[in-house]
Amino acid sequence: MSILKSKFVASLFAFILVVSTYVQASLASGATPPLTKCFIRVDNPHLSKSIKLLRGFEAVKVNAVSICNKPMHNLKFTVEIHKRGFIRNHKVAIEGIEIPGLIATNQKIENKATWAKCKNTKPSRYFGVAYAEAIIDEKKMRTLPVTTEKTISLPCGT
């Protein structure tokens, strides 16, 4: 009797698993796709060669790019640099660019203006965050913050 009972329990478990997978798959297939295919790419923090050459000092820098498959107006594209702290992280730089007019579909927008001057060569760990706000299809849209793929240790105390 116990073998029959265990086969029944195993069959019931398999049936529940199949039904729940089918329900999840059918719910996922009915999901609404995003309204736009806009994205932000945030490059990892690095020591800027151009600032060293042009200004004569070391600086940590983060670049970001935004592209959207729809035309937009009044873009505000912000990039931040954060330093990992012992107890909490510290924002060391923030720079935004604003483009008040029309931005064409799939136009590449770059924010390469975010940097912080190094005060010493003490190793510190940095990451970047970027986000944007624009009017798309007559609606004000905001992105979620996008963080760099890696936290990078650089010889740059800020």
C-alpha atoms as a PDB file:
ATOM      1  CA  MET A   1       0.000   0.000   0.000  1.00  0.00           C
ATOM      2  CA  SER A   2       2.848   2.411   0.776  1.00  0.00           C
ATOM      3  CA  ILE A   3       4.353   1.960  -2.733  1.00  0.00           C
ATOM      4  CA  LEU A   4       1.000   2.843  -4.282  1.00  0.00           C
ATOM      5  CA  LYS A   5       0.672   5.823  -1.958  1.00  0.00           C
ATOM      6  CA  SER A   6       4.190   7.111  -2.782  1.00  0.00           C
ATOM      7  CA  LYS A   7       3.500   6.726  -6.543  1.00  0.00           C
ATOM      8  CA  PHE A   8       0.299   8.718  -6.110  1.00  0.00           C
ATOM      9  CA  VAL A   9       2.118  11.489  -4.195  1.00  0.00           C
ATOM     10  CA  ALA A  10       4.885  11.604  -6.846  1.00  0.00           C
ATOM     11  CA  SER A  11       2.313  11.754  -9.663  1.00  0.00           C
ATOM     12  CA  LEU A  12       0.384  14.508  -7.883  1.00  0.00           C
ATOM     13  CA  PHE A  13       3.580  16.498  -7.342  1.00  0.00           C
ATOM     14  CA  ALA A  14       4.526  16.145 -11.031  1.00  0.00           C
ATOM     15  CA  PHE A  15       1.024  17.252 -12.093  1.00  0.00           C
ATOM     16  CA  ILE A  16       1.160  20.353  -9.853  1.00  0.00           C
ATOM     17  CA  LEU A  17       4.618  21.205 -11.188  1.00  0.00           C
ATOM     18  CA  VAL A  18       3.467  20.940 -14.829  1.00  0.00           C
ATOM     19  CA  VAL A  19       0.311  22.986 -14.225  1.00  0.00           C
ATOM     20  CA  SER A  20       2.148  25.732 -12.328  1.00  0.00           C
ATOM     21  CA  THR A  21       4.815  25.963 -15.055  1.00  0.00           C
ATOM     22  CA  TYR A  22       2.113  26.211 -17.729  1.00  0.00           C
ATOM     23  CA  VAL A  23       0.285  28.964 -15.822  1.00  0.00           C
ATOM     24  CA  GLN A  24       3.515  30.936 -15.326  1.00  0.00           C
ATOM     25  CA  ALA A  25       4.435  30.586 -19.009  1.00  0.00           C
ATOM     26  CA  SER A  26       1.003  31.707 -20.190  1.00  0.00           C
ATOM     27  CA  LEU A  27       1.078  34.710 -17.829  1.00  0.00           C
ATOM     28  CA  ALA A  28       4.537  35.682 -19.083  1.00  0.00           C
ATOM     29  CA  SER A  29       3.477  35.440 -22.728  1.00  0.00           C
ATOM     30  CA  GLY A  30       0.665  37.914 -22.069  1.00  0.00           C
ATOM     31  CA  ALA A  31       2.972  40.517 -20.509  1.00  0.00           C
ATOM     32  CA  THR A  32       2.901  44.008 -21.960  1.00  0.00           C
ATOM     33  CA  PRO A  33       6.167  44.922 -23.702  1.00  0.00           C
ATOM     34  CA  PRO A  34       7.866  48.207 -22.778  1.00  0.00           C
ATOM     35  CA  LEU A  35       6.618  51.329 -24.566  1.00  0.00           C
ATOM     36  CA  THR A  36      10.111  52.238 -25.741  1.00  0.00           C
ATOM     37  CA  LYS A  37      13.422  50.546 -26.309  1.00  0.00           C
ATOM     38  CA  CYS A  38      15.453  53.258 -24.649  1.00  0.00           C
ATOM     39  CA  PHE A  39      18.586  52.343 -22.758  1.00  0.00           C
ATOM     40  CA  ILE A  40      21.488  53.829 -20.849  1.00  0.00           C
ATOM     41  CA  ARG A  41      24.979  52.338 -20.847  1.00  0.00           C
ATOM     42  CA  VAL A  42      27.277  53.436 -18.027  1.00  0.00           C
ATOM     43  CA  ASP A  43      30.991  52.831 -18.469  1.00  0.00           C
ATOM     44  CA  ASN A  44      33.101  51.717 -15.526  1.00  0.00           C
ATOM     45  CA  PRO A  45      35.013  54.389 -13.569  1.00  0.00           C
ATOM     46  CA  HIS A  46      38.541  55.112 -14.814  1.00  0.00           C
ATOM     47  CA  LEU A  47      41.364  57.612 -14.430  1.00  0.00           C
ATOM     48  CA  SER A  48      40.897  60.197 -17.169  1.00  0.00           C
ATOM     49  CA  LYS A  49      43.772  60.519 -19.627  1.00  0.00           C
ATOM     50  CA  SER A  50      42.259  63.631 -21.245  1.00  0.00           C
ATOM     51  CA  ILE A  51      41.927  65.531 -17.947  1.00  0.00           C
ATOM     52  CA  LYS A  52      45.526  64.584 -17.063  1.00  0.00           C
ATOM     53  CA  LEU A  53      46.734  65.921 -20.445  1.00  0.00           C
ATOM     54  CA  LEU A  54      44.570  69.050 -20.627  1.00  0.00           C
ATOM     55  CA  ARG A  55      44.401  70.116 -16.973  1.00  0.00           C
ATOM     56  CA  GLY A  56      47.474  68.478 -15.473  1.00  0.00           C
ATOM     57  CA  PHE A  57      45.917  66.473 -12.641  1.00  0.00           C
ATOM     58  CA  GLU A  58      44.459  63.011 -12.032  1.00  0.00           C
ATOM     59  CA  ALA A  59      40.691  62.604 -11.952  1.00  0.00           C
ATOM     60  CA  VAL A  60      38.244  59.713 -11.735  1.00  0.00           C
ATOM     61  CA  LYS A  61      35.711  59.807 -14.562  1.00  0.00           C
ATOM     62  CA  VAL A  62      32.511  58.006 -15.606  1.00  0.00           C
ATOM     63  CA  ASN A  63      30.991  58.252 -19.097  1.00  0.00           C
ATOM     64  CA  ALA A  64      27.463  57.269 -20.128  1.00  0.00           C
ATOM     65  CA  VAL A  65      25.455  56.948 -23.347  1.00  0.00           C
ATOM     66  CA  SER A  66      21.694  57.083 -23.913  1.00  0.00           C
ATOM     67  CA  ILE A  67      19.798  55.912 -27.019  1.00  0.00           C
ATOM     68  CA  CYS A  68      16.023  55.771 -27.525  1.00  0.00           C
ATOM     69  CA  ASN A  69      13.938  54.321 -30.374  1.00  0.00           C
ATOM     70  CA  LYS A  70      11.432  57.188 -30.125  1.00  0.00           C
ATOM     71  CA  PRO A  71      11.869  60.939 -30.553  1.00  0.00           C
ATOM     72  CA  MET A  72      12.021  62.861 -27.284  1.00  0.00           C
ATOM     73  CA  HIS A  73      12.057  66.432 -25.980  1.00  0.00           C
ATOM     74  CA  ASN A  74      13.662  68.168 -23.001  1.00  0.00           C
ATOM     75  CA  LEU A  75      16.163  65.464 -22.062  1.00  0.00           C
ATOM     76  CA  LYS A  76      17.935  65.670 -18.704  1.00  0.00           C
ATOM     77  CA  PHE A  77      20.720  63.075 -18.570  1.00  0.00           C
ATOM     78  CA  THR A  78      22.582  62.803 -15.265  1.00  0.00           C
ATOM     79  CA  VAL A  79      25.685  60.836 -14.285  1.00  0.00           C
ATOM     80  CA  GLU A  80      26.966  60.443 -10.722  1.00  0.00           C
ATOM     81  CA  ILE A  81      30.217  59.049  -9.308  1.00  0.00           C
ATOM     82  CA  HIS A  82      30.054  57.299  -5.940  1.00  0.00           C
ATOM     83  CA  LYS A  83      32.876  56.127  -3.692  1.00  0.00           C
ATOM     84  CA  ARG A  84      32.414  53.017  -1.569  1.00  0.00           C
ATOM     85  CA  GLY A  85      32.700  53.858   2.093  1.00  0.00           C
ATOM     86  CA  PHE A  86      33.200  51.809   5.221  1.00  0.00           C
ATOM     87  CA  ILE A  87      29.711  52.495   6.548  1.00  0.00           C
ATOM     88  CA  ARG A  88      28.012  54.190   3.585  1.00  0.00           C
ATOM     89  CA  ASN A  89      28.801  55.255   0.032  1.00  0.00           C
ATOM     90  CA  HIS A  90      29.665  58.877  -0.799  1.00  0.00           C
ATOM     91  CA  LYS A  91      28.601  60.842  -3.868  1.00  0.00           C
ATOM     92  CA  VAL A  92      31.758  62.571  -5.133  1.00  0.00           C
ATOM     93  CA  ALA A  93      30.498  64.062  -8.415  1.00  0.00           C
ATOM     94  CA  ILE A  94      27.269  64.719 -10.280  1.00  0.00           C
ATOM     95  CA  GLU A  95      26.920  66.247 -13.719  1.00  0.00           C
ATOM     96  CA  GLY A  96      23.834  66.570 -15.847  1.00  0.00           C
ATOM     97  CA  ILE A  97      23.322  67.653 -19.404  1.00  0.00           C
ATOM     98  CA  GLU A  98      20.110  69.168 -20.675  1.00  0.00           C
ATOM     99  CA  ILE A  99      18.951  69.177 -24.278  1.00  0.00           C
ATOM    100  CA  PRO A 100      15.811  71.343 -24.472  1.00  0.00           C
ATOM    101  CA  GLY A 101      14.754  70.664 -28.070  1.00  0.00           C
ATOM    102  CA  LEU A 102      13.813  67.654 -30.137  1.00  0.00           C
ATOM    103  CA  ILE A 103      16.102  64.615 -30.121  1.00  0.00           C
ATOM    104  CA  ALA A 104      15.726  62.351 -33.133  1.00  0.00           C
ATOM    105  CA  THR A 105      14.964  58.650 -32.947  1.00  0.00           C
ATOM    106  CA  ASN A 106      18.041  56.509 -32.144  1.00  0.00           C
ATOM    107  CA  GLN A 107      20.276  59.557 -31.693  1.00  0.00           C
ATOM    108  CA  LYS A 108      23.228  58.755 -29.439  1.00  0.00           C
ATOM    109  CA  ILE A 109      23.490  61.161 -26.499  1.00  0.00           C
ATOM    110  CA  GLU A 110      26.731  61.115 -24.505  1.00  0.00           C
ATOM    111  CA  ASN A 111      27.473  62.492 -21.066  1.00  0.00           C
ATOM    112  CA  LYS A 112      31.265  62.600 -20.753  1.00  0.00           C
ATOM    113  CA  ALA A 113      31.420  65.517 -18.335  1.00  0.00           C
ATOM    114  CA  THR A 114      31.324  63.734 -14.963  1.00  0.00           C
ATOM    115  CA  TRP A 115      34.611  63.624 -13.081  1.00  0.00           C
ATOM    116  CA  ALA A 116      36.153  64.297  -9.671  1.00  0.00           C
ATOM    117  CA  LYS A 117      39.674  65.544  -9.006  1.00  0.00           C
ATOM    118  CA  CYS A 118      41.939  63.170  -7.085  1.00  0.00           C
ATOM    119  CA  LYS A 119      43.243  64.724  -3.852  1.00  0.00           C
ATOM    120  CA  ASN A 120      45.787  61.959  -3.213  1.00  0.00           C
ATOM    121  CA  THR A 121      46.773  58.487  -4.443  1.00  0.00           C
ATOM    122  CA  LYS A 122      45.000  56.543  -1.685  1.00  0.00           C
ATOM    123  CA  PRO A 123      43.188  53.591  -3.321  1.00  0.00           C
ATOM    124  CA  SER A 124      39.416  54.057  -3.361  1.00  0.00           C
ATOM    125  CA  ARG A 125      36.590  52.038  -4.888  1.00  0.00           C
ATOM    126  CA  TYR A 126      34.251  53.829  -7.310  1.00  0.00           C
ATOM    127  CA  PHE A 127      31.060  53.108  -9.232  1.00  0.00           C
ATOM    128  CA  GLY A 128      28.850  55.197 -11.492  1.00  0.00           C
ATOM    129  CA  VAL A 129      25.104  55.762 -11.687  1.00  0.00           C
ATOM    130  CA  ALA A 130      23.161  57.322 -14.571  1.00  0.00           C
ATOM    131  CA  TYR A 131      19.513  58.221 -15.101  1.00  0.00           C
ATOM    132  CA  ALA A 132      17.467  60.323 -17.483  1.00  0.00           C
ATOM    133  CA  GLU A 133      14.208  62.199 -17.778  1.00  0.00           C
ATOM    134  CA  ALA A 134      12.516  63.295 -21.018  1.00  0.00           C
ATOM    135  CA  ILE A 135       9.172  63.868 -22.671  1.00  0.00           C
ATOM    136  CA  ILE A 136       8.250  60.930 -24.921  1.00  0.00           C
ATOM    137  CA  ASP A 137       4.848  60.752 -26.624  1.00  0.00           C
ATOM    138  CA  GLU A 138       3.736  63.846 -24.689  1.00  0.00           C
ATOM    139  CA  LYS A 139       4.438  62.120 -21.343  1.00  0.00           C
ATOM    140  CA  LYS A 140       7.219  62.836 -18.884  1.00  0.00           C
ATOM    141  CA  MET A 141       9.248  59.612 -18.584  1.00  0.00           C
ATOM    142  CA  ARG A 142      12.027  58.734 -16.137  1.00  0.00           C
ATOM    143  CA  THR A 143      14.454  55.865 -16.263  1.00  0.00           C
ATOM    144  CA  LEU A 144      15.436  53.780 -13.303  1.00  0.00           C
ATOM    145  CA  PRO A 145      19.013  54.445 -12.153  1.00  0.00           C
ATOM    146  CA  VAL A 146      21.568  52.366 -14.054  1.00  0.00           C
ATOM    147  CA  THR A 147      24.738  51.359 -12.192  1.00  0.00           C
ATOM    148  CA  THR A 148      28.122  50.472 -13.654  1.00  0.00           C
ATOM    149  CA  GLU A 149      28.819  46.812 -14.113  1.00  0.00           C
ATOM    150  CA  LYS A 150      31.809  46.905 -11.762  1.00  0.00           C
ATOM    151  CA  THR A 151      33.065  48.784  -8.735  1.00  0.00           C
ATOM    152  CA  ILE A 152      36.646  49.723  -9.625  1.00  0.00           C
ATOM    153  CA  SER A 153      39.541  50.371  -7.242  1.00  0.00           C
ATOM    154  CA  LEU A 154      41.627  53.330  -8.395  1.00  0.00           C
ATOM    155  CA  PRO A 155      44.652  55.130  -6.873  1.00  0.00           C
ATOM    156  CA  CYS A 156      42.575  58.269  -6.402  1.00  0.00           C
ATOM    157  CA  GLY A 157      41.409  59.597  -3.064  1.00  0.00           C
ATOM    158  CA  THR A 158      38.685  62.219  -3.346  1.00  0.00           C
END
